[in-house]
């Protein structure tokens, strides 16, 4: 029987930000480059180098940024379930959203660094 898990591949430029909603229990892998992951309500920031994976262990939005050009993969572990959809939002909308978080890791970044 074949593997019907949903897999999404995406690329990020240096300092590019992606917002991923509802990715709880999915597996995020860094195929190349280096990624920075932060989530609403989580004091941890995760640095994911090339070749490493991380299971998303919280509900709610996740912000993914690249320290350098990167390729990432998001996989839902349950067959037939849809993997999260990364969104590239404008810097102003994303920054406003992050400032509402309880632990705004990126809120102190000047908006000129967010694309």
N, C-alpha and C. Protein backbone atom coordinates (compact mmCIF):
# COMPACT_ATOMS: atom_id res chain seq x y z
N UNK A 1 0.84 -1.18 0.00
CA UNK A 1 0.00 0.00 0.00
C UNK A 1 0.88 1.24 0.00
N UNK A 2 0.54 2.26 -0.78
CA UNK A 2 1.36 3.45 -0.91
C UNK A 2 1.21 4.41 0.25
N UNK A 3 2.16 5.31 0.37
CA UNK A 3 2.15 6.34 1.41
C UNK A 3 1.42 7.56 0.86
N UNK A 4 0.29 7.91 1.47
CA UNK A 4 -0.51 9.03 0.96
C UNK A 4 -0.39 10.27 1.83
N UNK A 5 0.72 10.38 2.57
CA UNK A 5 0.92 11.58 3.39
C UNK A 5 1.12 12.79 2.50
N UNK A 6 0.59 13.92 2.95
CA UNK A 6 0.74 15.17 2.20
C UNK A 6 2.08 15.80 2.56
N UNK A 7 2.84 16.15 1.54
CA UNK A 7 4.15 16.77 1.72
C UNK A 7 4.16 18.09 0.98
N UNK A 8 4.64 19.15 1.65
CA UNK A 8 4.79 20.46 1.00
C UNK A 8 6.26 20.87 1.07
N UNK A 9 6.80 21.25 -0.07
CA UNK A 9 8.16 21.77 -0.15
C UNK A 9 8.07 23.26 -0.43
N UNK A 10 8.94 24.05 0.18
CA UNK A 10 8.95 25.48 -0.10
C UNK A 10 10.35 26.03 0.13
N UNK A 11 10.63 27.14 -0.55
CA UNK A 11 11.92 27.80 -0.45
C UNK A 11 11.75 29.14 0.24
N UNK A 12 12.78 29.55 0.94
CA UNK A 12 12.80 30.85 1.60
C UNK A 12 14.10 31.53 1.25
N UNK A 13 14.03 32.79 0.94
CA UNK A 13 15.22 33.60 0.77
C UNK A 13 15.73 34.01 2.14
N UNK A 14 16.94 34.52 2.19
CA UNK A 14 17.53 35.01 3.44
C UNK A 14 16.60 36.05 4.06
N UNK A 15 16.30 35.88 5.34
CA UNK A 15 15.45 36.77 6.14
C UNK A 15 13.98 36.76 5.74
N UNK A 16 13.60 35.89 4.84
CA UNK A 16 12.20 35.81 4.45
C UNK A 16 11.41 35.13 5.57
N UNK A 17 10.16 35.56 5.75
CA UNK A 17 9.30 35.01 6.78
C UNK A 17 8.11 34.30 6.16
N UNK A 18 7.73 33.18 6.77
CA UNK A 18 6.51 32.47 6.39
C UNK A 18 5.68 32.27 7.65
N UNK A 19 4.39 32.32 7.50
CA UNK A 19 3.47 32.04 8.58
C UNK A 19 2.77 30.73 8.25
N UNK A 20 2.76 29.79 9.19
CA UNK A 20 2.09 28.51 8.98
C UNK A 20 1.05 28.35 10.08
N UNK A 21 -0.20 28.24 9.69
CA UNK A 21 -1.30 28.06 10.64
C UNK A 21 -1.59 26.56 10.79
N UNK A 22 -2.02 26.16 11.95
CA UNK A 22 -2.53 24.81 12.18
C UNK A 22 -1.60 23.70 11.71
N UNK A 23 -0.37 23.73 12.17
CA UNK A 23 0.61 22.71 11.77
C UNK A 23 0.95 21.76 12.92
N UNK A 24 0.14 21.75 13.96
CA UNK A 24 0.39 20.91 15.12
C UNK A 24 0.62 19.45 14.72
N UNK A 25 1.61 18.83 15.30
CA UNK A 25 2.00 17.43 15.08
C UNK A 25 2.59 17.15 13.70
N UNK A 26 2.84 18.16 12.90
CA UNK A 26 3.47 17.93 11.61
C UNK A 26 4.99 17.99 11.76
N UNK A 27 5.68 17.45 10.79
CA UNK A 27 7.13 17.37 10.80
C UNK A 27 7.69 18.42 9.85
N UNK A 28 8.55 19.30 10.36
CA UNK A 28 9.20 20.32 9.54
C UNK A 28 10.66 19.93 9.39
N UNK A 29 11.12 19.84 8.15
CA UNK A 29 12.51 19.46 7.87
C UNK A 29 13.20 20.57 7.11
N UNK A 30 14.46 20.79 7.45
CA UNK A 30 15.30 21.75 6.72
C UNK A 30 16.17 20.95 5.76
N UNK A 31 15.85 21.05 4.47
CA UNK A 31 16.60 20.31 3.45
C UNK A 31 17.94 20.97 3.17
N UNK A 32 17.95 22.31 3.17
CA UNK A 32 19.19 23.07 2.98
C UNK A 32 19.03 24.43 3.63
N UNK A 33 20.15 25.06 3.96
CA UNK A 33 20.11 26.37 4.61
C UNK A 33 20.01 26.22 6.12
N UNK A 34 19.33 27.19 6.76
CA UNK A 34 19.15 27.18 8.20
C UNK A 34 17.89 27.97 8.54
N UNK A 35 17.03 27.38 9.36
CA UNK A 35 15.72 27.97 9.66
C UNK A 35 15.62 28.37 11.12
N UNK A 36 14.82 29.39 11.36
CA UNK A 36 14.49 29.85 12.71
C UNK A 36 12.98 29.72 12.87
N UNK A 37 12.55 29.02 13.92
CA UNK A 37 11.14 28.75 14.14
C UNK A 37 10.72 29.35 15.47
N UNK A 38 9.60 30.07 15.48
CA UNK A 38 9.04 30.59 16.72
C UNK A 38 7.53 30.42 16.68
N UNK A 39 6.93 30.17 17.85
CA UNK A 39 5.50 29.94 17.93
C UNK A 39 4.88 30.80 19.02
N UNK A 40 3.63 31.16 18.82
CA UNK A 40 2.86 31.92 19.80
C UNK A 40 2.79 31.14 21.11
N UNK A 41 3.11 31.81 22.21
CA UNK A 41 3.01 31.20 23.53
C UNK A 41 4.16 30.30 23.91
N UNK A 42 5.19 30.21 23.10
CA UNK A 42 6.33 29.34 23.36
C UNK A 42 7.57 30.19 23.58
N UNK A 43 8.20 30.02 24.72
CA UNK A 43 9.42 30.79 25.01
C UNK A 43 10.63 30.29 24.22
N UNK A 44 10.52 29.10 23.67
CA UNK A 44 11.64 28.53 22.90
C UNK A 44 11.64 29.09 21.49
N UNK A 45 12.79 29.26 20.95
CA UNK A 45 12.99 29.45 19.52
C UNK A 45 13.79 28.24 19.07
N UNK A 46 13.47 27.72 17.91
CA UNK A 46 14.15 26.53 17.40
C UNK A 46 14.99 26.93 16.21
N UNK A 47 16.25 26.56 16.23
CA UNK A 47 17.15 26.75 15.10
C UNK A 47 17.30 25.38 14.44
N UNK A 48 16.95 25.31 13.16
CA UNK A 48 16.95 24.03 12.46
C UNK A 48 17.97 24.08 11.32
N UNK A 49 19.13 23.44 11.49
CA UNK A 49 20.12 23.42 10.41
C UNK A 49 19.75 22.39 9.34
N UNK A 50 20.43 22.47 8.21
CA UNK A 50 20.19 21.54 7.11
C UNK A 50 20.34 20.10 7.58
N UNK A 51 19.40 19.26 7.11
CA UNK A 51 19.45 17.85 7.45
C UNK A 51 18.72 17.49 8.74
N UNK A 52 18.17 18.47 9.45
CA UNK A 52 17.47 18.22 10.71
C UNK A 52 15.97 18.39 10.54
N UNK A 53 15.20 17.74 11.42
CA UNK A 53 13.75 17.84 11.43
C UNK A 53 13.27 18.21 12.82
N UNK A 54 12.04 18.73 12.89
CA UNK A 54 11.44 19.10 14.17
C UNK A 54 9.94 18.87 14.10
N UNK A 55 9.39 18.21 15.12
CA UNK A 55 7.95 18.00 15.19
C UNK A 55 7.31 19.21 15.83
N UNK A 56 6.34 19.80 15.18
CA UNK A 56 5.64 20.98 15.68
C UNK A 56 4.71 20.51 16.80
N UNK A 57 4.99 20.95 18.02
CA UNK A 57 4.32 20.41 19.19
C UNK A 57 3.29 21.34 19.82
N UNK A 58 2.92 22.40 19.13
CA UNK A 58 1.94 23.34 19.66
C UNK A 58 0.89 23.67 18.61
N UNK A 59 -0.28 24.04 19.10
CA UNK A 59 -1.33 24.56 18.23
C UNK A 59 -1.06 26.05 18.02
N UNK A 60 -1.65 26.62 17.01
CA UNK A 60 -1.52 28.06 16.77
C UNK A 60 -0.51 28.36 15.70
N UNK A 61 -0.36 29.64 15.40
CA UNK A 61 0.53 30.04 14.30
C UNK A 61 2.00 29.81 14.62
N UNK A 62 2.74 29.53 13.58
CA UNK A 62 4.17 29.31 13.65
C UNK A 62 4.81 30.26 12.63
N UNK A 63 5.88 30.94 13.03
CA UNK A 63 6.62 31.80 12.11
C UNK A 63 7.95 31.12 11.80
N UNK A 64 8.24 31.04 10.52
CA UNK A 64 9.45 30.40 10.04
C UNK A 64 10.25 31.45 9.29
N UNK A 65 11.53 31.56 9.61
CA UNK A 65 12.41 32.52 8.94
C UNK A 65 13.69 31.80 8.54
N UNK A 66 14.35 32.33 7.54
CA UNK A 66 15.59 31.72 7.05
C UNK A 66 16.78 32.61 7.35
N UNK A 67 17.80 32.04 7.97
CA UNK A 67 19.04 32.77 8.20
C UNK A 67 19.83 32.93 6.90
N UNK A 68 19.64 31.99 6.00
CA UNK A 68 20.25 32.03 4.68
C UNK A 68 19.28 31.31 3.74
N UNK A 69 19.45 31.43 2.43
CA UNK A 69 18.50 30.76 1.52
C UNK A 69 18.32 29.30 1.94
N UNK A 70 17.06 28.88 2.02
CA UNK A 70 16.75 27.56 2.57
C UNK A 70 15.63 26.87 1.79
N UNK A 71 15.62 25.56 1.90
CA UNK A 71 14.53 24.73 1.38
C UNK A 71 14.00 23.93 2.56
N UNK A 72 12.67 23.94 2.73
CA UNK A 72 12.05 23.24 3.85
C UNK A 72 10.95 22.32 3.33
N UNK A 73 10.62 21.32 4.15
CA UNK A 73 9.56 20.38 3.84
C UNK A 73 8.66 20.27 5.06
N UNK A 74 7.35 20.27 4.83
CA UNK A 74 6.37 20.10 5.89
C UNK A 74 5.54 18.86 5.55
N UNK A 75 5.48 17.91 6.49
CA UNK A 75 4.79 16.63 6.26
C UNK A 75 3.77 16.40 7.37
N UNK A 76 2.56 16.07 6.98
CA UNK A 76 1.56 15.65 7.96
C UNK A 76 1.73 14.14 8.16
N UNK A 77 1.85 13.68 9.41
CA UNK A 77 2.14 12.27 9.65
C UNK A 77 0.99 11.32 9.36
N UNK A 78 -0.23 11.83 9.31
CA UNK A 78 -1.38 10.95 9.10
C UNK A 78 -1.74 10.87 7.62
N UNK A 79 -1.81 9.69 7.07
CA UNK A 79 -2.19 9.54 5.66
C UNK A 79 -3.53 10.21 5.37
N UNK A 80 -3.59 10.90 4.25
CA UNK A 80 -4.82 11.54 3.83
C UNK A 80 -5.07 12.90 4.45
N UNK A 81 -4.25 13.33 5.42
CA UNK A 81 -4.44 14.63 6.06
C UNK A 81 -3.59 15.67 5.34
N UNK A 82 -4.06 16.89 5.29
CA UNK A 82 -3.38 17.97 4.57
C UNK A 82 -2.29 18.61 5.43
N UNK A 83 -1.12 18.80 4.84
CA UNK A 83 -0.03 19.51 5.51
C UNK A 83 -0.37 20.99 5.55
N UNK A 84 0.17 21.70 6.54
CA UNK A 84 -0.07 23.13 6.67
C UNK A 84 0.34 23.90 5.43
N UNK A 85 -0.31 25.02 5.23
CA UNK A 85 -0.03 25.85 4.05
C UNK A 85 0.74 27.09 4.50
N UNK A 86 2.01 27.23 4.09
CA UNK A 86 2.77 28.43 4.43
C UNK A 86 2.22 29.63 3.67
N UNK A 87 2.14 30.77 4.35
CA UNK A 87 1.68 32.01 3.73
C UNK A 87 2.77 33.06 3.83
N UNK A 88 2.94 33.77 2.76
CA UNK A 88 3.89 34.89 2.74
C UNK A 88 3.07 36.16 2.91
N UNK A 89 3.03 36.66 4.13
CA UNK A 89 2.27 37.87 4.41
C UNK A 89 3.17 39.09 4.30
N UNK A 90 2.57 40.23 4.13
CA UNK A 90 3.33 41.48 4.15
C UNK A 90 3.93 41.71 5.53
N UNK A 91 5.03 42.42 5.58
CA UNK A 91 5.73 42.65 6.84
C UNK A 91 4.85 43.33 7.88
N UNK A 92 4.05 44.28 7.48
CA UNK A 92 3.23 45.02 8.44
C UNK A 92 2.20 44.11 9.11
N UNK A 93 1.52 43.28 8.32
CA UNK A 93 0.51 42.39 8.88
C UNK A 93 1.14 41.36 9.80
N UNK A 94 2.27 40.80 9.39
CA UNK A 94 2.94 39.80 10.21
C UNK A 94 3.48 40.42 11.49
N UNK A 95 4.07 41.58 11.41
CA UNK A 95 4.61 42.25 12.59
C UNK A 95 3.49 42.59 13.57
N UNK A 96 2.35 43.06 13.08
CA UNK A 96 1.21 43.35 13.95
C UNK A 96 0.74 42.09 14.66
N UNK A 97 0.70 40.99 13.96
CA UNK A 97 0.28 39.71 14.55
C UNK A 97 1.26 39.26 15.63
N UNK A 98 2.55 39.35 15.36
CA UNK A 98 3.57 38.93 16.31
C UNK A 98 3.51 39.78 17.58
N UNK A 99 3.26 41.06 17.45
CA UNK A 99 3.20 41.95 18.62
C UNK A 99 2.06 41.58 19.56
N UNK A 100 1.06 40.86 19.09
CA UNK A 100 -0.04 40.41 19.94
C UNK A 100 0.29 39.11 20.67
N UNK A 101 1.38 38.46 20.30
CA UNK A 101 1.75 37.20 20.93
C UNK A 101 2.19 37.45 22.37
N UNK A 102 2.11 36.40 23.19
CA UNK A 102 2.53 36.51 24.58
C UNK A 102 4.04 36.61 24.72
N UNK A 103 4.79 35.95 23.85
CA UNK A 103 6.25 35.99 23.89
C UNK A 103 6.75 36.40 22.51
N UNK A 104 6.70 37.67 22.19
CA UNK A 104 6.99 38.13 20.83
C UNK A 104 8.48 38.15 20.50
N UNK A 105 9.02 37.00 20.14
CA UNK A 105 10.46 36.89 19.85
C UNK A 105 10.90 37.82 18.73
N UNK A 106 10.06 38.00 17.73
CA UNK A 106 10.43 38.83 16.59
C UNK A 106 9.92 40.26 16.69
N UNK A 107 9.15 40.59 17.71
CA UNK A 107 8.51 41.90 17.79
C UNK A 107 9.52 43.04 17.87
N UNK A 108 10.71 42.78 18.36
CA UNK A 108 11.70 43.84 18.49
C UNK A 108 12.48 44.07 17.20
N UNK A 109 12.26 43.24 16.18
CA UNK A 109 12.96 43.43 14.91
C UNK A 109 12.44 44.67 14.20
N UNK A 110 13.31 45.49 13.65
CA UNK A 110 12.83 46.59 12.84
C UNK A 110 12.10 46.05 11.61
N UNK A 111 11.02 46.68 11.25
CA UNK A 111 10.21 46.17 10.14
C UNK A 111 10.98 46.17 8.81
N UNK A 112 12.07 46.92 8.74
CA UNK A 112 12.87 46.93 7.51
C UNK A 112 13.57 45.59 7.30
N UNK A 113 13.74 44.81 8.39
CA UNK A 113 14.38 43.50 8.24
C UNK A 113 13.40 42.41 7.86
N UNK A 114 12.11 42.70 7.97
CA UNK A 114 11.08 41.72 7.63
C UNK A 114 10.61 41.96 6.21
N UNK A 115 10.57 40.90 5.40
CA UNK A 115 10.08 41.06 4.05
C UNK A 115 8.82 40.27 3.87
